[in-house]
Amino acid sequence: SNEVVITVKKGKAGSQVSTTPKPRPTSTTKRTWIPWLPKPPAASKPVALGPKPSPKPRVKKISGSQISDQVKSLIPRGEIITQPLDNILVNQSVNFMTNTPMHFTTVLVVLGTPITIHLTPEFSWQFGDGNSYGTRLAGAPYPLMLIENTYKSSGQKRVKLTTTWSGFWRAGSLSAPIDGAIVQKVSRQIDVRLAKGVYRG
């Protein structure tokens, strides 16, 4: 016959067998974290460092009410003085005055800042008979008679004096007015008598 049959057995010389290697399987399972073991450190994100903000300057605010409250306790409180001191008679001129100082200056420390205070008073008199008088003068002893009143009726009269302080405060280059925020009030009761007439026959 015209056919040739060649039989090749595996492993015998002269035979070639080509094989393609298979890839090794890779594990896709994640490592489980056991609670009693520490967690692996997480990768920290980089932090961008910028310029540090400059601290804001501390601003001190000083209000007029803070100053007035402290000054009130420092100003001397004047008294009402009359001439004559007693034996005030109807239709007799009475001289009024007060020992309140005409100027007041002091230095306070508010929020660590020294503040100089300058004040002057203004007086408002009520004589107890419906008459009143306003002035910047404290009065003066006889014979000047700067503040006077004449009573037309006898009886007890309640004399009232209201002192209003005004001025300014200064702290370094800063200055501000103090207008009428400090008020003092005093009163005194006087007894006005009828003059005794003398009859000569």
N, C-alpha and C. Protein backbone atom coordinates (compact mmCIF):
# COMPACT_ATOMS: atom_id res chain seq x y z
N SER A 1 0.86 -1.19 0.00
CA SER A 1 0.00 0.00 0.00
C SER A 1 0.87 1.20 0.00
N ASN A 2 0.28 2.36 -0.36
CA ASN A 2 1.03 3.62 -0.43
C ASN A 2 0.98 4.40 0.88
N GLU A 3 0.47 3.93 1.99
CA GLU A 3 0.37 4.66 3.26
C GLU A 3 1.48 4.21 4.17
N VAL A 4 2.07 5.26 4.87
CA VAL A 4 3.10 4.98 5.88
C VAL A 4 2.55 5.45 7.20
N VAL A 5 2.56 4.64 8.17
CA VAL A 5 2.02 4.95 9.50
C VAL A 5 3.16 5.00 10.47
N ILE A 6 3.33 6.17 11.19
CA ILE A 6 4.39 6.34 12.20
C ILE A 6 3.70 6.50 13.55
N THR A 7 4.07 5.68 14.43
CA THR A 7 3.48 5.72 15.78
C THR A 7 4.51 6.25 16.75
N VAL A 8 4.19 7.33 17.49
CA VAL A 8 5.12 7.96 18.46
C VAL A 8 4.54 7.80 19.85
N LYS A 9 5.35 7.26 20.70
CA LYS A 9 4.94 7.09 22.10
C LYS A 9 5.52 8.21 22.97
N LYS A 10 4.84 8.61 24.01
CA LYS A 10 5.25 9.67 24.94
C LYS A 10 6.47 9.24 25.70
N GLY A 11 7.45 10.08 25.74
CA GLY A 11 8.63 9.80 26.52
C GLY A 11 9.71 9.19 25.74
N LYS A 12 9.44 8.86 24.56
CA LYS A 12 10.46 8.23 23.76
C LYS A 12 11.27 9.28 23.09
N ALA A 13 12.54 8.90 22.76
CA ALA A 13 13.42 9.84 22.09
C ALA A 13 12.87 10.17 20.75
N GLY A 14 13.16 11.41 20.32
CA GLY A 14 12.70 11.88 19.03
C GLY A 14 11.34 12.48 19.05
N SER A 15 10.71 12.41 20.17
CA SER A 15 9.36 13.00 20.27
C SER A 15 9.43 14.33 21.00
N GLN A 16 8.66 15.33 20.62
CA GLN A 16 8.59 16.65 21.26
C GLN A 16 7.15 16.94 21.66
N VAL A 17 7.01 17.32 22.91
CA VAL A 17 5.67 17.68 23.41
C VAL A 17 5.75 19.09 23.98
N SER A 18 5.02 20.03 23.45
CA SER A 18 5.02 21.43 23.97
C SER A 18 3.80 21.66 24.85
N THR A 19 4.08 22.19 26.01
CA THR A 19 2.98 22.51 26.96
C THR A 19 3.05 23.98 27.37
N THR A 20 1.92 24.64 27.55
CA THR A 20 1.83 26.06 27.99
C THR A 20 1.62 26.12 29.49
N PRO A 21 2.54 26.81 30.24
CA PRO A 21 2.39 26.84 31.72
C PRO A 21 1.15 27.62 32.13
N LYS A 22 0.46 27.08 33.07
CA LYS A 22 -0.73 27.75 33.60
C LYS A 22 -0.35 28.78 34.66
N PRO A 23 -1.01 29.95 34.68
CA PRO A 23 -0.69 30.97 35.73
C PRO A 23 -1.10 30.48 37.11
N ARG A 24 -0.27 30.94 38.14
CA ARG A 24 -0.56 30.54 39.51
C ARG A 24 -1.72 31.36 40.04
N PRO A 25 -2.63 30.70 40.67
CA PRO A 25 -3.78 31.48 41.20
C PRO A 25 -3.34 32.39 42.35
N THR A 26 -3.86 33.63 42.36
CA THR A 26 -3.56 34.60 43.43
C THR A 26 -4.74 34.67 44.38
N SER A 27 -4.41 34.88 45.63
CA SER A 27 -5.46 34.95 46.66
C SER A 27 -6.10 36.32 46.65
N THR A 28 -7.40 36.39 46.62
CA THR A 28 -8.15 37.66 46.64
C THR A 28 -8.80 37.93 47.97
N THR A 29 -8.53 37.12 48.95
CA THR A 29 -9.15 37.32 50.27
C THR A 29 -8.34 38.34 51.06
N LYS A 30 -9.05 39.30 51.81
CA LYS A 30 -8.41 40.33 52.63
C LYS A 30 -8.07 39.76 53.99
N ARG A 31 -7.01 40.33 54.54
CA ARG A 31 -6.61 39.91 55.88
C ARG A 31 -7.63 40.44 56.88
N THR A 32 -8.14 39.56 57.67
CA THR A 32 -9.12 39.97 58.68
C THR A 32 -8.40 40.55 59.89
N TRP A 33 -9.03 41.66 60.50
CA TRP A 33 -8.44 42.29 61.70
C TRP A 33 -9.00 41.63 62.94
N ILE A 34 -8.11 41.20 63.78
CA ILE A 34 -8.51 40.57 65.04
C ILE A 34 -8.64 41.66 66.09
N PRO A 35 -9.76 41.75 66.81
CA PRO A 35 -10.02 42.88 67.73
C PRO A 35 -8.93 43.09 68.76
N TRP A 36 -8.30 42.04 69.26
CA TRP A 36 -7.33 42.26 70.34
C TRP A 36 -5.93 42.60 69.83
N LEU A 37 -5.80 42.70 68.53
CA LEU A 37 -4.53 43.14 67.95
C LEU A 37 -4.66 44.60 67.52
N PRO A 38 -3.59 45.36 67.59
CA PRO A 38 -3.67 46.78 67.18
C PRO A 38 -3.93 46.91 65.70
N LYS A 39 -4.70 47.94 65.35
CA LYS A 39 -4.98 48.19 63.94
C LYS A 39 -3.72 48.68 63.24
N PRO A 40 -3.56 48.30 62.01
CA PRO A 40 -2.40 48.83 61.28
C PRO A 40 -2.55 50.33 61.11
N PRO A 41 -1.45 51.07 61.23
CA PRO A 41 -1.54 52.54 61.13
C PRO A 41 -2.04 52.97 59.78
N ALA A 42 -2.98 53.93 59.81
CA ALA A 42 -3.51 54.46 58.56
C ALA A 42 -2.55 55.50 58.02
N ALA A 43 -2.47 55.54 56.74
CA ALA A 43 -1.58 56.50 56.10
C ALA A 43 -2.14 57.91 56.30
N SER A 44 -1.34 58.80 56.89
CA SER A 44 -1.79 60.17 57.15
C SER A 44 -1.65 61.01 55.90
N LYS A 45 -2.63 61.90 55.71
CA LYS A 45 -2.60 62.78 54.56
C LYS A 45 -1.64 63.93 54.82
N PRO A 46 -0.95 64.37 53.85
CA PRO A 46 -0.03 65.50 54.04
C PRO A 46 -0.81 66.77 54.35
N VAL A 47 -0.32 67.55 55.33
CA VAL A 47 -0.97 68.79 55.74
C VAL A 47 -0.19 69.95 55.17
N ALA A 48 -0.92 70.82 54.47
CA ALA A 48 -0.26 71.99 53.89
C ALA A 48 -0.07 73.04 54.97
N LEU A 49 1.15 73.47 55.18
CA LEU A 49 1.48 74.46 56.19
C LEU A 49 1.47 75.84 55.56
N GLY A 50 0.60 76.72 56.09
CA GLY A 50 0.53 78.09 55.59
C GLY A 50 1.08 79.06 56.61
N PRO A 51 1.08 80.33 56.31
CA PRO A 51 1.57 81.32 57.28
C PRO A 51 0.64 81.43 58.48
N LYS A 52 1.22 81.53 59.68
CA LYS A 52 0.41 81.65 60.90
C LYS A 52 -0.26 83.01 60.95
N PRO A 53 -1.56 83.02 61.32
CA PRO A 53 -2.24 84.33 61.42
C PRO A 53 -1.67 85.15 62.57
N SER A 54 -1.46 86.42 62.31
CA SER A 54 -0.92 87.29 63.36
C SER A 54 -2.00 87.58 64.38
N PRO A 55 -1.66 87.60 65.69
CA PRO A 55 -2.67 87.86 66.72
C PRO A 55 -3.24 89.26 66.61
N LYS A 56 -4.56 89.35 66.84
CA LYS A 56 -5.21 90.65 66.78
C LYS A 56 -4.86 91.47 68.01
N PRO A 57 -4.64 92.76 67.84
CA PRO A 57 -4.34 93.59 69.01
C PRO A 57 -5.54 93.69 69.93
N ARG A 58 -5.27 93.69 71.22
CA ARG A 58 -6.34 93.77 72.22
C ARG A 58 -6.76 95.22 72.38
N VAL A 59 -8.04 95.46 72.16
CA VAL A 59 -8.56 96.82 72.24
C VAL A 59 -9.27 97.01 73.57
N LYS A 60 -8.88 98.04 74.30
CA LYS A 60 -9.51 98.34 75.58
C LYS A 60 -10.56 99.43 75.37
N LYS A 61 -11.78 99.15 75.80
CA LYS A 61 -12.86 100.11 75.68
C LYS A 61 -13.20 100.64 77.07
N ILE A 62 -13.25 101.95 77.16
CA ILE A 62 -13.55 102.61 78.43
C ILE A 62 -14.83 103.41 78.25
N SER A 63 -15.84 103.11 79.01
CA SER A 63 -17.12 103.81 78.90
C SER A 63 -17.23 104.88 79.97
N GLY A 64 -18.06 105.89 79.66
CA GLY A 64 -18.26 106.96 80.63
C GLY A 64 -18.94 106.48 81.90
N SER A 65 -19.79 105.45 81.79
CA SER A 65 -20.48 104.94 82.99
C SER A 65 -19.50 104.29 83.95
N GLN A 66 -18.48 103.60 83.42
CA GLN A 66 -17.47 103.00 84.30
C GLN A 66 -16.75 104.07 85.10
N ILE A 67 -16.42 105.16 84.44
CA ILE A 67 -15.70 106.25 85.11
C ILE A 67 -16.60 106.93 86.13
N SER A 68 -17.85 107.22 85.75
CA SER A 68 -18.76 107.94 86.65
C SER A 68 -19.02 107.16 87.93
N ASP A 69 -19.19 105.84 87.82
CA ASP A 69 -19.48 105.03 89.00
C ASP A 69 -18.34 105.10 90.01
N GLN A 70 -17.10 105.12 89.55
CA GLN A 70 -15.97 105.18 90.47
C GLN A 70 -15.78 106.58 91.05
N VAL A 71 -16.04 107.61 90.24
CA VAL A 71 -15.83 108.98 90.70
C VAL A 71 -16.86 109.37 91.75
N LYS A 72 -18.09 108.85 91.64
CA LYS A 72 -19.15 109.22 92.58
C LYS A 72 -18.75 109.00 94.03
N SER A 73 -18.03 107.91 94.27
CA SER A 73 -17.65 107.59 95.65
C SER A 73 -16.46 108.42 96.14
N LEU A 74 -15.83 109.17 95.25
CA LEU A 74 -14.64 109.94 95.63
C LEU A 74 -14.92 111.42 95.85
N ILE A 75 -15.95 111.94 95.21
CA ILE A 75 -16.23 113.38 95.33
C ILE A 75 -16.78 113.69 96.73
N PRO A 76 -16.24 114.68 97.41
CA PRO A 76 -16.78 115.04 98.73
C PRO A 76 -18.19 115.61 98.61
N ARG A 77 -19.04 115.25 99.55
CA ARG A 77 -20.43 115.71 99.56
C ARG A 77 -20.52 116.95 100.45
N GLY A 78 -20.92 118.07 99.85
CA GLY A 78 -21.02 119.32 100.60
C GLY A 78 -22.27 119.39 101.47
N GLU A 79 -22.28 120.36 102.38
CA GLU A 79 -23.41 120.59 103.29
C GLU A 79 -24.04 121.94 103.00
N ILE A 80 -25.26 122.11 103.49
CA ILE A 80 -25.97 123.39 103.37
C ILE A 80 -25.66 124.22 104.61
N ILE A 81 -25.18 125.43 104.38
CA ILE A 81 -24.82 126.33 105.48
C ILE A 81 -25.64 127.61 105.33
N THR A 82 -26.18 128.10 106.45
CA THR A 82 -26.97 129.33 106.44
C THR A 82 -26.38 130.35 107.41
N GLN A 83 -26.60 131.60 107.09
CA GLN A 83 -26.31 132.71 108.01
C GLN A 83 -27.56 133.58 108.08
N PRO A 84 -28.15 133.69 109.27
CA PRO A 84 -27.73 133.09 110.55
C PRO A 84 -27.92 131.57 110.56
N LEU A 85 -27.20 130.90 111.48
CA LEU A 85 -27.31 129.44 111.58
C LEU A 85 -28.70 129.02 112.03
N ASP A 86 -29.27 129.75 112.96
CA ASP A 86 -30.63 129.50 113.43
C ASP A 86 -31.26 130.87 113.70
N ASN A 87 -32.38 130.88 114.39
CA ASN A 87 -33.10 132.12 114.63
C ASN A 87 -33.37 132.87 113.32
N ILE A 88 -33.81 132.11 112.33
CA ILE A 88 -34.16 132.69 111.04
C ILE A 88 -35.55 133.29 111.15
N LEU A 89 -35.68 134.54 110.76
CA LEU A 89 -36.93 135.26 110.95
C LEU A 89 -37.60 135.56 109.63
N VAL A 90 -38.93 135.72 109.71
CA VAL A 90 -39.71 136.13 108.54
C VAL A 90 -39.25 137.52 108.11
N ASN A 91 -39.19 137.73 106.79
CA ASN A 91 -38.80 139.00 106.18
C ASN A 91 -37.34 139.38 106.48
N GLN A 92 -36.56 138.41 106.87
CA GLN A 92 -35.14 138.65 107.09
C GLN A 92 -34.35 137.89 106.02
N SER A 93 -33.41 138.57 105.37
CA SER A 93 -32.62 137.93 104.31
C SER A 93 -31.70 136.87 104.91
N VAL A 94 -31.71 135.69 104.31
CA VAL A 94 -30.89 134.56 104.77
C VAL A 94 -29.81 134.28 103.72
N ASN A 95 -28.59 134.17 104.18
CA ASN A 95 -27.47 133.87 103.28
C ASN A 95 -27.24 132.36 103.23
N PHE A 96 -27.18 131.81 102.00
CA PHE A 96 -26.96 130.37 101.81
C PHE A 96 -25.61 130.13 101.13
N MET A 97 -24.97 129.04 101.52
CA MET A 97 -23.72 128.63 100.88
C MET A 97 -23.48 127.15 101.16
N THR A 98 -22.48 126.59 100.47
CA THR A 98 -22.11 125.19 100.66
C THR A 98 -20.59 125.06 100.68
N ASN A 99 -20.10 124.06 101.37
CA ASN A 99 -18.65 123.81 101.42
C ASN A 99 -18.19 122.82 100.35
N THR A 100 -19.00 122.63 99.32
CA THR A 100 -18.60 121.79 98.19
C THR A 100 -17.44 122.45 97.44
N PRO A 101 -16.37 121.72 97.10
CA PRO A 101 -15.25 122.33 96.37
C PRO A 101 -15.66 122.78 94.98
N MET A 102 -15.03 123.85 94.49
CA MET A 102 -15.37 124.39 93.18
C MET A 102 -14.66 123.64 92.04
N HIS A 103 -13.67 122.84 92.37
CA HIS A 103 -12.97 122.02 91.38
C HIS A 103 -12.64 120.68 92.02
N PHE A 104 -12.69 119.63 91.20
CA PHE A 104 -12.33 118.29 91.68
C PHE A 104 -11.49 117.61 90.62
N THR A 105 -10.30 117.13 91.04
CA THR A 105 -9.38 116.43 90.14
C THR A 105 -8.89 115.17 90.82
N THR A 106 -8.90 114.06 90.11
CA THR A 106 -8.40 112.80 90.65
C THR A 106 -7.91 111.92 89.50
N VAL A 107 -7.21 110.84 89.85
CA VAL A 107 -6.70 109.89 88.87
C VAL A 107 -7.25 108.51 89.21
N LEU A 108 -7.90 107.88 88.25
CA LEU A 108 -8.43 106.53 88.40
C LEU A 108 -7.64 105.58 87.50
N VAL A 109 -7.70 104.28 87.83
CA VAL A 109 -7.11 103.25 86.98
C VAL A 109 -8.24 102.33 86.54
N VAL A 110 -8.57 102.37 85.25
CA VAL A 110 -9.64 101.56 84.67
C VAL A 110 -9.03 100.65 83.61
N LEU A 111 -9.21 99.33 83.77
CA LEU A 111 -8.65 98.35 82.84
C LEU A 111 -7.14 98.52 82.69
N GLY A 112 -6.49 98.86 83.81
CA GLY A 112 -5.05 99.02 83.80
C GLY A 112 -4.56 100.31 83.20
N THR A 113 -5.47 101.23 82.87
CA THR A 113 -5.09 102.50 82.25
C THR A 113 -5.35 103.64 83.21
N PRO A 114 -4.35 104.49 83.53
CA PRO A 114 -4.59 105.65 84.39
C PRO A 114 -5.40 106.72 83.66
N ILE A 115 -6.43 107.22 84.34
CA ILE A 115 -7.33 108.20 83.75
C ILE A 115 -7.41 109.40 84.69
N THR A 116 -7.18 110.58 84.16
CA THR A 116 -7.26 111.82 84.94
C THR A 116 -8.64 112.43 84.77
N ILE A 117 -9.27 112.79 85.90
CA ILE A 117 -10.62 113.34 85.90
C ILE A 117 -10.56 114.81 86.32
N HIS A 118 -11.25 115.68 85.57
CA HIS A 118 -11.39 117.09 85.92
C HIS A 118 -12.89 117.42 85.93
N LEU A 119 -13.40 117.90 87.07
CA LEU A 119 -14.83 118.19 87.21
C LEU A 119 -15.05 119.54 87.87
N THR A 120 -16.17 120.18 87.52
CA THR A 120 -16.63 121.39 88.19
C THR A 120 -18.12 121.24 88.48
N PRO A 121 -18.62 121.85 89.58
CA PRO A 121 -20.03 121.66 89.96
C PRO A 121 -20.94 122.78 89.46
N GLU A 122 -22.21 122.44 89.40
CA GLU A 122 -23.26 123.43 89.16
C GLU A 122 -24.35 123.18 90.20
N PHE A 123 -24.81 124.25 90.86
CA PHE A 123 -25.70 124.12 92.01
C PHE A 123 -27.13 124.57 91.66
N SER A 124 -28.08 123.81 92.18
CA SER A 124 -29.50 124.15 92.04
C SER A 124 -30.12 124.14 93.43
N TRP A 125 -30.55 125.34 93.89
CA TRP A 125 -31.12 125.50 95.23
C TRP A 125 -32.65 125.53 95.16
N GLN A 126 -33.27 124.86 96.12
CA GLN A 126 -34.71 124.97 96.36
C GLN A 126 -34.87 125.32 97.84
N PHE A 127 -35.47 126.49 98.11
CA PHE A 127 -35.47 127.03 99.46
C PHE A 127 -36.64 126.58 100.31
N GLY A 128 -37.55 125.78 99.78
CA GLY A 128 -38.64 125.24 100.58
C GLY A 128 -39.86 126.12 100.64
N ASP A 129 -39.83 127.28 99.99
CA ASP A 129 -41.00 128.17 99.96
C ASP A 129 -41.48 128.41 98.54
N GLY A 130 -41.01 127.57 97.60
CA GLY A 130 -41.37 127.75 96.20
C GLY A 130 -40.32 128.48 95.39
N ASN A 131 -39.37 129.12 96.05
CA ASN A 131 -38.30 129.83 95.35
C ASN A 131 -37.13 128.89 95.06
N SER A 132 -36.45 129.13 93.94
CA SER A 132 -35.29 128.32 93.57
C SER A 132 -34.24 129.23 92.93
N TYR A 133 -33.04 128.69 92.84
CA TYR A 133 -31.93 129.49 92.30
C TYR A 133 -30.85 128.55 91.78
N GLY A 134 -30.34 128.84 90.57
CA GLY A 134 -29.26 128.05 89.98
C GLY A 134 -28.02 128.88 89.79
N THR A 135 -26.87 128.31 90.08
CA THR A 135 -25.61 129.04 89.99
C THR A 135 -24.43 128.08 89.91
N ARG A 136 -23.29 128.59 89.46
CA ARG A 136 -22.05 127.83 89.49
C ARG A 136 -21.18 128.21 90.69
N LEU A 137 -21.70 129.09 91.52
CA LEU A 137 -20.96 129.54 92.70
C LEU A 137 -21.43 128.79 93.93
N ALA A 138 -20.50 128.54 94.84
CA ALA A 138 -20.84 127.84 96.08
C ALA A 138 -21.37 128.77 97.15
N GLY A 139 -21.37 130.08 96.88
CA GLY A 139 -21.78 131.04 97.89
C GLY A 139 -20.58 131.54 98.68
N ALA A 140 -20.83 132.50 99.56
CA ALA A 140 -19.75 133.09 100.35
C ALA A 140 -20.33 133.65 101.64
N PRO A 141 -19.50 133.78 102.68
CA PRO A 141 -19.98 134.31 103.95
C PRO A 141 -20.38 135.78 103.84
N TYR A 142 -21.14 136.21 104.81
CA TYR A 142 -21.53 137.62 104.93
C TYR A 142 -20.26 138.47 104.99
N PRO A 143 -20.19 139.60 104.30
CA PRO A 143 -21.31 140.39 103.74
C PRO A 143 -21.54 140.19 102.24
N LEU A 144 -20.88 139.21 101.59
CA LEU A 144 -21.04 139.07 100.14
C LEU A 144 -22.47 138.69 99.75
N MET A 145 -23.06 137.75 100.48
CA MET A 145 -24.46 137.37 100.24
C MET A 145 -24.70 137.00 98.77
N LEU A 146 -23.92 136.01 98.25
CA LEU A 146 -24.04 135.62 96.85
C LEU A 146 -25.32 134.84 96.58
N ILE A 147 -25.78 134.08 97.57
CA ILE A 147 -27.02 133.29 97.43
C ILE A 147 -27.89 133.61 98.63
N GLU A 148 -29.04 134.24 98.39
CA GLU A 148 -29.89 134.64 99.51
C GLU A 148 -31.35 134.43 99.18
N ASN A 149 -32.13 134.34 100.24
CA ASN A 149 -33.58 134.18 100.11
C ASN A 149 -34.25 134.79 101.33
N THR A 150 -35.43 135.37 101.10
CA THR A 150 -36.19 135.98 102.18
C THR A 150 -37.52 135.26 102.31
N TYR A 151 -37.80 134.72 103.48
CA TYR A 151 -39.04 133.98 103.72
C TYR A 151 -40.15 134.94 104.13
N LYS A 152 -41.32 134.71 103.56
CA LYS A 152 -42.47 135.57 103.83
C LYS A 152 -43.43 134.97 104.84
N SER A 153 -43.19 133.72 105.22
CA SER A 153 -44.07 133.07 106.20
C SER A 153 -43.23 132.23 107.15
N SER A 154 -43.77 131.97 108.31
CA SER A 154 -43.06 131.17 109.31
C SER A 154 -43.33 129.68 109.10
N GLY A 155 -42.59 128.86 109.82
CA GLY A 155 -42.78 127.42 109.74
C GLY A 155 -41.50 126.70 109.34
N GLN A 156 -41.59 125.38 109.27
CA GLN A 156 -40.43 124.58 108.88
C GLN A 156 -40.31 124.53 107.35
N LYS A 157 -39.11 124.77 106.87
CA LYS A 157 -38.84 124.79 105.43
C LYS A 157 -37.75 123.74 105.13
N ARG A 158 -37.99 122.95 104.09
CA ARG A 158 -37.01 121.94 103.67
C ARG A 158 -36.18 122.52 102.51
N VAL A 159 -34.93 122.84 102.81
CA VAL A 159 -34.02 123.39 101.80
C VAL A 159 -33.29 122.23 101.12
N LYS A 160 -33.29 122.23 99.78
CA LYS A 160 -32.64 121.16 99.02
C LYS A 160 -31.57 121.74 98.11
N LEU A 161 -30.47 121.02 98.01
CA LEU A 161 -29.36 121.43 97.14
C LEU A 161 -28.98 120.25 96.25
N THR A 162 -29.07 120.47 94.93
CA THR A 162 -28.66 119.45 93.95
C THR A 162 -27.38 119.93 93.26
N THR A 163 -26.35 119.12 93.34
CA THR A 163 -25.06 119.46 92.73
C THR A 163 -24.81 118.52 91.55
N THR A 164 -24.64 119.10 90.36
CA THR A 164 -24.38 118.33 89.14
C THR A 164 -22.95 118.59 88.68
N TRP A 165 -22.19 117.50 88.56
CA TRP A 165 -20.77 117.62 88.18
C TRP A 165 -20.60 117.35 86.69
N SER A 166 -19.82 118.21 86.05
CA SER A 166 -19.50 118.05 84.63
C SER A 166 -18.02 118.33 84.42
N GLY A 167 -17.49 117.80 83.33
CA GLY A 167 -16.07 118.00 83.04
C GLY A 167 -15.61 117.05 81.95
N PHE A 168 -14.41 116.51 82.11
CA PHE A 168 -13.87 115.60 81.10
C PHE A 168 -12.88 114.66 81.76
N TRP A 169 -12.61 113.55 81.07
CA TRP A 169 -11.57 112.62 81.49
C TRP A 169 -10.55 112.49 80.36
N ARG A 170 -9.30 112.21 80.76
CA ARG A 170 -8.22 112.10 79.79
C ARG A 170 -7.37 110.87 80.10
N ALA A 171 -7.08 110.08 79.05
CA ALA A 171 -6.21 108.90 79.17
C ALA A 171 -5.23 108.94 78.01
N GLY A 172 -4.02 109.41 78.26
CA GLY A 172 -3.05 109.55 77.19
C GLY A 172 -3.51 110.59 76.19
N SER A 173 -3.65 110.19 74.93
CA SER A 173 -4.11 111.11 73.90
C SER A 173 -5.62 111.11 73.75
N LEU A 174 -6.32 110.26 74.51
CA LEU A 174 -7.78 110.18 74.42
C LEU A 174 -8.42 111.07 75.46
N SER A 175 -9.55 111.66 75.11
CA SER A 175 -10.28 112.52 76.03
C SER A 175 -11.75 112.49 75.65
N ALA A 176 -12.62 112.63 76.66
CA ALA A 176 -14.06 112.62 76.42
C ALA A 176 -14.75 113.41 77.53
N PRO A 177 -15.89 114.02 77.22
CA PRO A 177 -16.60 114.80 78.24
C PRO A 177 -17.37 113.93 79.21
N ILE A 178 -17.60 114.47 80.39
CA ILE A 178 -18.50 113.87 81.39
C ILE A 178 -19.55 114.93 81.68
N ASP A 179 -20.73 114.76 81.13
CA ASP A 179 -21.77 115.79 81.20
C ASP A 179 -22.93 115.32 82.07
N GLY A 180 -23.02 115.86 83.27
CA GLY A 180 -24.18 115.64 84.11
C GLY A 180 -24.42 114.22 84.56
N ALA A 181 -23.39 113.36 84.48
CA ALA A 181 -23.59 111.97 84.87
C ALA A 181 -23.46 111.76 86.37
N ILE A 182 -22.89 112.74 87.08
CA ILE A 182 -22.66 112.61 88.52
C ILE A 182 -23.49 113.67 89.23
N VAL A 183 -24.44 113.24 90.05
CA VAL A 183 -25.36 114.14 90.74
C VAL A 183 -25.36 113.82 92.22
N GLN A 184 -25.26 114.86 93.05
CA GLN A 184 -25.35 114.73 94.50
C GLN A 184 -26.54 115.55 95.00
N LYS A 185 -27.24 115.00 96.00
CA LYS A 185 -28.38 115.71 96.57
C LYS A 185 -28.28 115.71 98.09
N VAL A 186 -28.46 116.88 98.68
CA VAL A 186 -28.49 117.02 100.14
C VAL A 186 -29.67 117.92 100.50
N SER A 187 -30.12 117.83 101.73
CA SER A 187 -31.23 118.67 102.19
C SER A 187 -31.04 119.01 103.66
N ARG A 188 -31.74 120.06 104.06
CA ARG A 188 -31.68 120.50 105.47
C ARG A 188 -32.99 121.20 105.80
N GLN A 189 -33.48 120.92 106.98
CA GLN A 189 -34.72 121.56 107.44
C GLN A 189 -34.39 122.74 108.34
N ILE A 190 -35.00 123.88 108.06
CA ILE A 190 -34.80 125.07 108.89
C ILE A 190 -36.14 125.53 109.44
N ASP A 191 -36.09 126.25 110.54
CA ASP A 191 -37.30 126.74 111.21
C ASP A 191 -37.33 128.26 111.10
N VAL A 192 -38.33 128.75 110.40
CA VAL A 192 -38.48 130.20 110.21
C VAL A 192 -39.51 130.70 111.23
N ARG A 193 -39.12 131.72 111.98
CA ARG A 193 -39.98 132.22 113.06
C ARG A 193 -40.42 133.66 112.78
N LEU A 194 -41.51 134.00 113.44
CA LEU A 194 -41.98 135.38 113.39
C LEU A 194 -41.14 136.23 114.33
N ALA A 195 -40.85 137.43 113.92
CA ALA A 195 -40.09 138.34 114.78
C ALA A 195 -41.00 138.82 115.91
N LYS A 196 -40.45 138.85 117.12
CA LYS A 196 -41.21 139.30 118.28
C LYS A 196 -41.21 140.83 118.34
N GLY A 197 -42.41 141.40 118.39
CA GLY A 197 -42.50 142.85 118.48
C GLY A 197 -42.46 143.32 119.93
N VAL A 198 -41.91 144.46 120.11
CA VAL A 198 -41.81 145.05 121.45
C VAL A 198 -42.67 146.31 121.48
N TYR A 199 -43.64 146.32 122.39
CA TYR A 199 -44.54 147.48 122.50
C TYR A 199 -44.09 148.35 123.67
N ARG A 200 -43.87 149.60 123.37
CA ARG A 200 -43.48 150.54 124.41
C ARG A 200 -44.56 151.62 124.52
N GLY A 201 -45.14 151.72 125.72
CA GLY A 201 -46.20 152.67 125.91
C GLY A 201 -45.73 153.97 126.55
